Amino acid sequence: MNSTPFIFDVTQSGFAALVLENSFNVPVLVDFWAAWCQPCQMLTPILQRLAEQYQGAFLLAKVNSDQEQALAAQFGVRSLPTVKVFRNGQAVDELVGVQSEPVYREVIERYRAKPSDRLLARAEAAWRQGDQRKALGFLREAQALEPDNVQVKLALAELLLLSGDTDKAGDLLHALPLEVRLEQPASGLLARLEFSEQAKGAPETARLEKALQAHPEDCALRRQLAACKTIEGDYEAALEQFLEIMRRNPKFDDEAGRKGLLAVFNILGNDDPRVAAYRRRMFALLH
């Protein structure tokens, strides 16, 4: 019998209620073990100690893999011990073999509910309701609580960009670690920031379009229009302008047409169907 309410044994029949449902509230670590497994015996005190320290911030579910072979097979357990992490009804991570205590602690921290989660949700709701000031206030409060939280920094940078405060957004984004800046969503926000800089001081879109009709060979004007279209969220129009730059002058300003296309792709993300379509058209022009 476990001495704490935060540790419990799980069978196939109780898995949905004890693991999946609980995982919507806190992370649930499912320890697949067996009595004959010596590493499993080494792992047990580590996980028990963490469960006692966290006092319900995560739950530990123990599955005897010999008695629950179907359950172990269902979740692809091939060696023991294996710890599966469940959050919001899904297996989101796993650790195979015995790891050091800091490794398990890092996983728990990664998935546990944080004070900033509530503030992020309130900021998103305020922004959807059109209350920009309140949304930014919630995010600044979250940043004060968790100054190293990358998710909070990215959300704040995005709202600052959308509200036109490119200087503060740029400070936040450029201060992120390089590995974060190179991946989505930071890379897309940095691309949006660059377009915002290009669009600064530009005339209204209608005036740019009229000027371009009079001077269709002006690639600098066309790039400015593409930047404005990107900021407005009219991505297809922006992509068409960058393609036209490639057609008219592929070497313009160090391949600005091709680089503009790639930057918009970064904003949209690879799963957006427009990216695949325009990438094919870009390659056709290149080759």
Protein backbone atom coordinates (compact mmCIF):
# COMPACT_ATOMS: atom_id res chain seq x y z
CA MET A 1 0.00 0.00 0.00
CA ASN A 2 1.39 3.41 -0.97
CA SER A 3 1.86 5.83 1.93
CA THR A 4 0.85 8.94 -0.04
CA PRO A 5 -2.34 9.75 -1.97
CA PHE A 6 -0.20 10.97 -4.86
CA ILE A 7 1.03 7.44 -5.71
CA PHE A 8 -1.31 4.66 -6.77
CA ASP A 9 -1.33 1.31 -8.56
CA VAL A 10 -3.10 1.18 -11.92
CA THR A 11 -4.67 -1.65 -13.90
CA GLN A 12 -6.22 -1.71 -17.36
CA SER A 13 -9.72 -1.17 -15.97
CA GLY A 14 -8.76 1.93 -13.96
CA PHE A 15 -6.33 3.50 -16.41
CA ALA A 16 -8.77 5.92 -18.07
CA ALA A 17 -10.10 7.32 -14.79
CA LEU A 18 -6.89 7.39 -12.79
CA VAL A 19 -4.39 8.39 -15.48
CA LEU A 20 -6.13 9.99 -18.45
CA GLU A 21 -8.71 12.01 -16.53
CA ASN A 22 -6.23 13.15 -13.87
CA SER A 23 -3.79 14.23 -16.57
CA PHE A 24 -6.11 17.10 -17.51
CA ASN A 25 -5.32 18.62 -14.11
CA VAL A 26 -1.68 17.67 -13.47
CA PRO A 27 1.02 15.61 -15.18
CA VAL A 28 0.75 11.88 -14.47
CA LEU A 29 3.95 9.83 -14.56
CA VAL A 30 3.18 6.18 -15.29
CA ASP A 31 5.95 3.88 -14.05
CA PHE A 32 5.94 0.55 -15.89
CA TRP A 33 7.86 -1.87 -13.64
CA ALA A 34 8.22 -5.53 -12.64
CA ALA A 35 9.23 -7.26 -9.43
CA TRP A 36 12.21 -9.02 -11.06
CA CYS A 37 13.60 -5.77 -12.53
CA GLN A 38 16.48 -4.52 -10.40
CA PRO A 39 16.66 -1.05 -12.08
CA CYS A 40 12.95 -0.70 -11.28
CA GLN A 41 13.75 -1.09 -7.59
CA MET A 42 16.39 1.64 -7.93
CA LEU A 43 13.91 3.99 -9.58
CA THR A 44 11.09 3.54 -7.07
CA PRO A 45 12.58 5.61 -4.21
CA ILE A 46 13.47 8.45 -6.60
CA LEU A 47 9.89 8.75 -7.88
CA GLN A 48 8.39 8.30 -4.41
CA ARG A 49 10.57 11.06 -3.01
CA LEU A 50 9.53 13.43 -5.80
CA ALA A 51 5.84 12.60 -5.32
CA GLU A 52 6.11 13.46 -1.64
CA GLN A 53 8.00 16.69 -2.35
CA TYR A 54 5.58 17.91 -5.03
CA GLN A 55 2.48 17.17 -2.94
CA GLY A 56 0.09 16.62 -5.82
CA ALA A 57 1.67 18.87 -8.46
CA PHE A 58 2.09 15.58 -10.33
CA LEU A 59 0.76 12.07 -9.75
CA LEU A 60 2.67 8.80 -9.92
CA ALA A 61 0.86 5.76 -11.33
CA LYS A 62 2.52 2.35 -10.95
CA VAL A 63 1.83 -0.37 -13.53
CA ASN A 64 3.04 -3.90 -12.86
CA SER A 65 3.98 -4.91 -16.40
CA ASP A 66 3.89 -8.64 -15.65
CA GLN A 67 0.30 -8.41 -14.45
CA GLU A 68 -0.74 -5.78 -17.02
CA GLN A 69 0.97 -7.02 -20.19
CA ALA A 70 -1.79 -5.76 -22.48
CA LEU A 71 -1.51 -2.26 -21.01
CA ALA A 72 2.27 -2.27 -21.42
CA ALA A 73 1.90 -3.44 -25.02
CA GLN A 74 -0.75 -0.80 -25.73
CA PHE A 75 1.73 1.96 -24.90
CA GLY A 76 4.72 0.36 -26.62
CA VAL A 77 6.71 -0.50 -23.49
CA ARG A 78 9.66 -2.64 -24.61
CA SER A 79 12.04 -2.39 -21.67
CA LEU A 80 11.81 -1.74 -17.96
CA PRO A 81 11.63 0.58 -16.26
CA THR A 82 9.80 2.91 -18.62
CA VAL A 83 8.12 6.07 -17.36
CA LYS A 84 5.43 7.55 -19.62
CA VAL A 85 4.28 11.13 -19.01
CA PHE A 86 0.60 11.88 -19.61
CA ARG A 87 -0.87 15.38 -19.97
CA ASN A 88 -4.33 16.37 -21.19
CA GLY A 89 -5.27 12.78 -21.93
CA GLN A 90 -2.21 12.02 -24.09
CA ALA A 91 1.22 10.44 -23.64
CA VAL A 92 3.54 13.41 -24.19
CA ASP A 93 6.95 12.12 -23.10
CA GLU A 94 8.82 9.06 -21.91
CA LEU A 95 11.98 8.11 -20.05
CA VAL A 96 13.47 4.65 -20.56
CA GLY A 97 15.79 3.18 -17.95
CA VAL A 98 16.83 4.74 -14.66
CA GLN A 99 17.66 8.45 -14.93
CA SER A 100 19.01 10.82 -12.32
CA GLU A 101 16.53 12.64 -10.08
CA PRO A 102 17.10 16.03 -11.81
CA VAL A 103 15.99 14.50 -15.12
CA TYR A 104 12.61 13.47 -13.68
CA ARG A 105 12.31 16.81 -11.92
CA GLU A 106 12.89 18.65 -15.22
CA VAL A 107 10.16 16.61 -16.94
CA ILE A 108 7.72 17.32 -14.10
CA GLU A 109 8.49 21.04 -14.28
CA ARG A 110 8.05 21.01 -18.05
CA TYR A 111 4.48 19.72 -17.84
CA ARG A 112 3.20 20.91 -14.47
CA ALA A 113 0.73 23.77 -14.28
CA LYS A 114 2.44 27.12 -13.69
CA PRO A 115 1.06 30.45 -12.45
CA SER A 116 1.77 31.88 -15.90
CA ASP A 117 -0.60 29.40 -17.57
CA ARG A 118 -3.63 31.15 -16.10
CA LEU A 119 -2.30 34.58 -17.08
CA LEU A 120 -1.52 33.41 -20.63
CA ALA A 121 -5.09 32.17 -21.00
CA ARG A 122 -6.49 35.45 -19.66
CA ALA A 123 -4.24 37.44 -22.02
CA GLU A 124 -5.46 35.44 -25.02
CA ALA A 125 -9.09 35.95 -24.01
CA ALA A 126 -8.56 39.70 -23.53
CA TRP A 127 -6.87 40.01 -26.92
CA ARG A 128 -9.74 38.17 -28.64
CA GLN A 129 -12.14 40.63 -27.01
CA GLY A 130 -10.13 43.54 -28.39
CA ASP A 131 -8.69 44.69 -25.06
CA GLN A 132 -5.05 45.10 -26.08
CA ARG A 133 -4.02 46.96 -22.92
CA LYS A 134 -5.40 44.29 -20.59
CA ALA A 135 -3.82 41.46 -22.62
CA LEU A 136 -0.38 43.05 -22.46
CA GLY A 137 -0.87 43.67 -18.74
CA PHE A 138 -1.56 39.99 -18.08
CA LEU A 139 1.55 39.00 -20.04
CA ARG A 140 3.76 41.48 -18.22
CA GLU A 141 2.44 40.11 -14.93
CA ALA A 142 3.29 36.59 -16.12
CA GLN A 143 6.78 37.71 -17.09
CA ALA A 144 7.32 39.23 -13.64
CA LEU A 145 6.32 35.92 -12.05
CA GLU A 146 8.45 33.77 -14.39
CA PRO A 147 11.13 35.95 -16.03
CA ASP A 148 12.81 32.96 -17.69
CA ASN A 149 9.63 31.45 -19.17
CA VAL A 150 10.21 31.34 -22.94
CA GLN A 151 6.53 30.76 -23.72
CA VAL A 152 5.60 33.97 -21.91
CA LYS A 153 8.33 35.92 -23.72
CA LEU A 154 7.13 34.66 -27.10
CA ALA A 155 3.50 35.49 -26.35
CA LEU A 156 4.47 38.98 -25.17
CA ALA A 157 6.66 39.56 -28.24
CA GLU A 158 3.83 38.50 -30.54
CA LEU A 159 1.33 40.88 -28.94
CA LEU A 160 3.86 43.71 -28.97
CA LEU A 161 4.41 43.11 -32.69
CA LEU A 162 0.69 43.06 -33.39
CA SER A 163 0.26 46.28 -31.44
CA GLY A 164 3.08 47.97 -33.38
CA ASP A 165 5.70 48.15 -30.62
CA THR A 166 8.48 46.63 -32.72
CA ASP A 167 11.34 47.97 -30.59
CA LYS A 168 10.27 46.15 -27.42
CA ALA A 169 9.28 43.06 -29.40
CA GLY A 170 12.71 43.03 -31.03
CA ASP A 171 14.47 43.36 -27.67
CA LEU A 172 12.58 40.32 -26.37
CA LEU A 173 13.13 38.19 -29.45
CA HIS A 174 16.83 38.97 -29.93
CA ALA A 175 17.52 38.18 -26.26
CA LEU A 176 16.23 34.60 -26.67
CA PRO A 177 18.78 31.76 -26.87
CA LEU A 178 19.95 31.01 -30.41
CA GLU A 179 18.37 27.55 -30.46
CA VAL A 180 14.98 29.10 -29.62
CA ARG A 181 15.33 31.84 -32.27
CA LEU A 182 16.03 29.28 -34.98
CA GLU A 183 12.80 27.35 -34.36
CA GLN A 184 9.10 28.13 -34.62
CA PRO A 185 7.40 30.17 -33.32
CA ALA A 186 10.35 32.51 -32.62
CA SER A 187 11.71 32.30 -36.18
CA GLY A 188 8.32 33.31 -37.57
CA LEU A 189 8.07 36.25 -35.17
CA LEU A 190 11.55 37.41 -36.16
CA ALA A 191 10.52 37.26 -39.82
CA ARG A 192 7.42 39.33 -39.00
CA LEU A 193 9.64 41.81 -37.14
CA GLU A 194 11.85 42.21 -40.22
CA PHE A 195 8.81 42.90 -42.40
CA SER A 196 7.61 45.48 -39.86
CA GLU A 197 10.95 47.26 -40.18
CA GLN A 198 10.71 47.20 -43.99
CA ALA A 199 7.18 48.60 -43.87
CA LYS A 200 8.04 51.52 -41.57
CA GLY A 201 7.29 54.85 -43.19
CA ALA A 202 5.63 53.22 -46.19
CA PRO A 203 2.64 54.92 -47.84
CA GLU A 204 -0.80 53.36 -47.62
CA THR A 205 -1.13 50.04 -49.44
CA ALA A 206 -3.48 51.55 -52.03
CA ARG A 207 -0.91 54.24 -52.87
CA LEU A 208 1.85 51.63 -53.16
CA GLU A 209 -0.27 49.55 -55.53
CA LYS A 210 -1.01 52.60 -57.67
CA ALA A 211 2.68 53.54 -57.78
CA LEU A 212 3.58 50.00 -58.75
CA GLN A 213 1.13 50.07 -61.64
CA ALA A 214 2.99 53.09 -62.96
CA HIS A 215 6.43 51.54 -62.32
CA PRO A 216 6.08 47.73 -62.45
CA GLU A 217 9.86 47.30 -62.80
CA ASP A 218 10.52 48.93 -59.40
CA CYS A 219 11.49 45.94 -57.22
CA ALA A 220 12.17 48.09 -54.16
CA LEU A 221 8.62 49.40 -54.32
CA ARG A 222 7.31 45.88 -54.87
CA ARG A 223 9.22 44.60 -51.82
CA GLN A 224 7.77 47.40 -49.69
CA LEU A 225 4.28 46.45 -50.84
CA ALA A 226 4.98 42.78 -50.04
CA ALA A 227 6.13 43.75 -46.54
CA CYS A 228 2.96 45.79 -45.96
CA LYS A 229 0.79 42.94 -47.23
CA THR A 230 2.53 40.56 -44.83
CA ILE A 231 1.93 42.86 -41.86
CA GLU A 232 -1.75 43.12 -42.87
CA GLY A 233 -1.98 39.31 -42.96
CA ASP A 234 -2.58 39.18 -46.71
CA TYR A 235 0.07 36.49 -47.16
CA GLU A 236 -0.90 35.33 -50.64
CA ALA A 237 -0.61 38.86 -51.99
CA ALA A 238 2.80 39.18 -50.35
CA LEU A 239 3.95 35.85 -51.80
CA GLU A 240 2.82 36.91 -55.27
CA GLN A 241 4.87 40.11 -55.00
CA PHE A 242 8.00 38.23 -53.94
CA LEU A 243 7.53 35.77 -56.80
CA GLU A 244 7.23 38.69 -59.21
CA ILE A 245 10.50 40.12 -57.88
CA MET A 246 12.13 36.75 -58.61
CA ARG A 247 10.73 36.77 -62.15
CA ARG A 248 11.81 40.33 -62.93
CA ASN A 249 15.15 40.47 -61.13
CA PRO A 250 16.20 37.30 -59.25
CA LYS A 251 19.43 38.98 -58.03
CA PHE A 252 17.72 42.14 -56.73
CA ASP A 253 19.24 43.22 -53.41
CA ASP A 254 20.92 39.88 -52.66
CA GLU A 255 17.98 37.72 -53.80
CA ALA A 256 15.36 39.68 -51.83
CA GLY A 257 12.53 37.92 -53.71
CA ARG A 258 13.61 34.42 -52.72
CA LYS A 259 14.47 35.47 -49.17
CA GLY A 260 11.11 37.22 -48.82
CA LEU A 261 9.31 34.04 -49.84
CA LEU A 262 11.27 32.02 -47.28
CA ALA A 263 10.49 34.57 -44.57
CA VAL A 264 6.75 34.36 -45.26
CA PHE A 265 7.02 30.54 -45.25
CA ASN A 266 8.56 30.86 -41.79
CA ILE A 267 5.61 32.91 -40.56
CA LEU A 268 3.03 30.51 -41.99
CA GLY A 269 4.78 27.28 -40.92
CA ASN A 270 5.38 24.17 -43.00
CA ASP A 271 1.90 22.74 -42.33
CA ASP A 272 0.19 25.62 -44.14
CA PRO A 273 -0.84 24.39 -47.64
CA ARG A 274 0.17 27.74 -49.17
CA VAL A 275 3.78 27.05 -48.25
CA ALA A 276 3.95 23.86 -50.32
CA ALA A 277 2.20 25.53 -53.28
CA TYR A 278 4.43 28.60 -53.36
CA ARG A 279 7.57 26.59 -52.62
CA ARG A 280 6.92 24.63 -55.84
CA ARG A 281 6.51 27.86 -57.79
CA MET A 282 9.68 29.26 -56.27
CA PHE A 283 11.66 26.15 -57.25
CA ALA A 284 10.24 26.34 -60.78
CA LEU A 285 11.66 29.86 -61.10
CA LEU A 286 15.00 28.83 -59.65
CA HIS A 287 15.39 25.87 -61.98
